[in-house]
C-alpha cells in the first residue's frame, strides 16, 4: 500500500465526528478511499476555464399579476385554523 495524504488519525477523527466505530482494517481502507477522492479534486485543477457566454438572455415570461385566493378561501379546506391562520401541531 502506498503512502496516502490521509493518515489513520484523520480517518479516526472523521469517524468519531460521524459517531462510527471503525476497526483498524476499515480505517486503512477509508484512508485509501479518502486519498482517491482528494485526487479527483486535484484533477479539477486540470480542467480549463471557459469564458461565459455573454449573449445569454432571460427566456422566461414576464410575471403577471393575478387575483389569488381570499384568506377565507385559503383556509376553507384546512383541517384546523385559528384567528385567520393555518393551525398546525405544536413543535417543541
C-alpha atoms as a PDB file:
ATOM      1  CA  UNK A   1       0.000   0.000   0.000  1.00  0.00           C
ATOM      2  CA  UNK A   2       1.392   3.401  -0.966  1.00  0.00           C
ATOM      3  CA  UNK A   3       1.680   6.430   1.297  1.00  0.00           C
ATOM      4  CA  UNK A   4      -1.622   8.311   1.375  1.00  0.00           C
ATOM      5  CA  UNK A   5      -2.171  12.010   2.085  1.00  0.00           C
ATOM      6  CA  UNK A   6      -4.820  10.965   4.638  1.00  0.00           C
ATOM      7  CA  UNK A   7      -3.484   9.246   7.732  1.00  0.00           C
ATOM      8  CA  UNK A   8      -5.249   6.871  10.113  1.00  0.00           C
ATOM      9  CA  UNK A   9      -5.655   9.539  12.804  1.00  0.00           C
ATOM     10  CA  UNK A  10      -7.590  11.771  10.407  1.00  0.00           C
ATOM     11  CA  UNK A  11      -9.842   8.875   9.416  1.00  0.00           C
ATOM     12  CA  UNK A  12     -10.499   8.055  13.067  1.00  0.00           C
ATOM     13  CA  UNK A  13     -11.273  11.726  13.762  1.00  0.00           C
ATOM     14  CA  UNK A  14     -13.835  11.862  10.933  1.00  0.00           C
ATOM     15  CA  UNK A  15     -15.316   8.552  12.108  1.00  0.00           C
ATOM     16  CA  UNK A  16     -15.625   9.935  15.651  1.00  0.00           C
ATOM     17  CA  UNK A  17     -17.396  13.034  14.326  1.00  0.00           C
ATOM     18  CA  UNK A  18     -19.813  10.775  12.435  1.00  0.00           C
ATOM     19  CA  UNK A  19     -20.148   8.534  15.508  1.00  0.00           C
ATOM     20  CA  UNK A  20     -18.976   5.492  13.548  1.00  0.00           C
ATOM     21  CA  UNK A  21     -16.841   2.771  15.102  1.00  0.00           C
ATOM     22  CA  UNK A  22     -14.167   1.536  12.693  1.00  0.00           C
ATOM     23  CA  UNK A  23     -11.702  -1.293  13.176  1.00  0.00           C
ATOM     24  CA  UNK A  24      -8.080  -0.908  12.010  1.00  0.00           C
ATOM     25  CA  UNK A  25      -8.751  -2.617   8.680  1.00  0.00           C
ATOM     26  CA  UNK A  26     -11.651  -0.260   7.899  1.00  0.00           C
ATOM     27  CA  UNK A  27      -9.524   2.737   8.883  1.00  0.00           C
ATOM     28  CA  UNK A  28      -6.859   1.663   6.375  1.00  0.00           C
ATOM     29  CA  UNK A  29      -9.494   1.156   3.662  1.00  0.00           C
ATOM     30  CA  UNK A  30     -11.027   4.559   4.258  1.00  0.00           C
ATOM     31  CA  UNK A  31      -7.614   6.263   4.230  1.00  0.00           C
ATOM     32  CA  UNK A  32      -7.019   4.920   0.724  1.00  0.00           C
ATOM     33  CA  UNK A  33     -10.541   5.828  -0.402  1.00  0.00           C
ATOM     34  CA  UNK A  34     -10.261   9.361   1.003  1.00  0.00           C
ATOM     35  CA  UNK A  35      -6.942   9.772  -0.835  1.00  0.00           C
ATOM     36  CA  UNK A  36      -8.635   8.693  -4.076  1.00  0.00           C
ATOM     37  CA  UNK A  37     -11.432  11.211  -3.514  1.00  0.00           C
ATOM     38  CA  UNK A  38      -8.933  14.000  -2.892  1.00  0.00           C
ATOM     39  CA  UNK A  39      -7.091  13.104  -6.085  1.00  0.00           C
ATOM     40  CA  UNK A  40     -10.345  13.606  -8.009  1.00  0.00           C
ATOM     41  CA  UNK A  41     -10.456  17.155  -6.670  1.00  0.00           C
ATOM     42  CA  UNK A  42      -6.847  17.660  -7.801  1.00  0.00           C
ATOM     43  CA  UNK A  43      -7.935  16.616 -11.298  1.00  0.00           C
ATOM     44  CA  UNK A  44     -10.318  19.582 -11.363  1.00  0.00           C
ATOM     45  CA  UNK A  45      -7.274  21.869 -11.446  1.00  0.00           C
ATOM     46  CA  UNK A  46      -6.536  20.499 -14.936  1.00  0.00           C
ATOM     47  CA  UNK A  47      -9.938  21.497 -16.320  1.00  0.00           C
ATOM     48  CA  UNK A  48      -9.544  24.609 -18.473  1.00  0.00           C
ATOM     49  CA  UNK A  49     -11.611  27.646 -17.690  1.00  0.00           C
ATOM     50  CA  UNK A  50     -14.081  28.818 -20.286  1.00  0.00           C
ATOM     51  CA  UNK A  51     -15.390  32.287 -20.937  1.00  0.00           C
ATOM     52  CA  UNK A  52     -19.039  32.721 -20.042  1.00  0.00           C
ATOM     53  CA  UNK A  53     -21.371  33.281 -22.952  1.00  0.00           C
ATOM     54  CA  UNK A  54     -22.218  36.978 -22.959  1.00  0.00           C
ATOM     55  CA  UNK A  55     -25.290  36.695 -25.170  1.00  0.00           C
ATOM     56  CA  UNK A  56     -27.491  34.727 -22.768  1.00  0.00           C
ATOM     57  CA  UNK A  57     -30.921  36.248 -22.297  1.00  0.00           C
ATOM     58  CA  UNK A  58     -33.817  35.535 -19.978  1.00  0.00           C
ATOM     59  CA  UNK A  59     -36.349  33.438 -21.888  1.00  0.00           C
ATOM     60  CA  UNK A  60     -38.858  33.340 -19.068  1.00  0.00           C
ATOM     61  CA  UNK A  61     -42.138  35.129 -19.426  1.00  0.00           C
ATOM     62  CA  UNK A  62     -42.874  38.313 -17.517  1.00  0.00           C
ATOM     63  CA  UNK A  63     -44.710  37.904 -14.234  1.00  0.00           C
ATOM     64  CA  UNK A  64     -48.427  38.509 -14.435  1.00  0.00           C
ATOM     65  CA  UNK A  65     -50.409  39.823 -11.505  1.00  0.00           C
ATOM     66  CA  UNK A  66     -53.484  37.679 -10.931  1.00  0.00           C
ATOM     67  CA  UNK A  67     -56.164  37.586  -8.297  1.00  0.00           C
ATOM     68  CA  UNK A  68     -55.396  34.972  -5.637  1.00  0.00           C
ATOM     69  CA  UNK A  69     -57.468  33.268  -3.007  1.00  0.00           C
ATOM     70  CA  UNK A  70     -59.027  35.269  -0.231  1.00  0.00           C
ATOM     71  CA  UNK A  71     -57.961  34.375   3.275  1.00  0.00           C
ATOM     72  CA  UNK A  72     -61.269  32.597   3.856  1.00  0.00           C
ATOM     73  CA  UNK A  73     -60.910  30.595   0.621  1.00  0.00           C
ATOM     74  CA  UNK A  74     -57.371  29.569   1.508  1.00  0.00           C
ATOM     75  CA  UNK A  75     -58.448  28.339   4.939  1.00  0.00           C
ATOM     76  CA  UNK A  76     -61.571  26.615   3.611  1.00  0.00           C
ATOM     77  CA  UNK A  77     -60.003  23.132   3.381  1.00  0.00           C
ATOM     78  CA  UNK A  78     -57.578  23.491   6.284  1.00  0.00           C
ATOM     79  CA  UNK A  79     -58.007  20.791   8.930  1.00  0.00           C
ATOM     80  CA  UNK A  80     -57.617  23.483  11.600  1.00  0.00           C
ATOM     81  CA  UNK A  81     -57.491  27.263  11.550  1.00  0.00           C
ATOM     82  CA  UNK A  82     -57.261  29.829  14.313  1.00  0.00           C
ATOM     83  CA  UNK A  83     -57.690  33.602  14.114  1.00  0.00           C
ATOM     84  CA  UNK A  84     -57.428  33.549  10.311  1.00  0.00           C
ATOM     85  CA  UNK A  85     -54.260  31.424  10.171  1.00  0.00           C
ATOM     86  CA  UNK A  86     -53.494  27.792   9.461  1.00  0.00           C
ATOM     87  CA  UNK A  87     -53.061  25.910  12.697  1.00  0.00           C
ATOM     88  CA  UNK A  88     -50.531  23.100  12.879  1.00  0.00           C
ATOM     89  CA  UNK A  89     -49.203  20.802  15.580  1.00  0.00           C
ATOM     90  CA  UNK A  90     -47.038  22.253  18.326  1.00  0.00           C
ATOM     91  CA  UNK A  91     -43.312  21.903  17.779  1.00  0.00           C
ATOM     92  CA  UNK A  92     -41.163  21.572  20.847  1.00  0.00           C
END
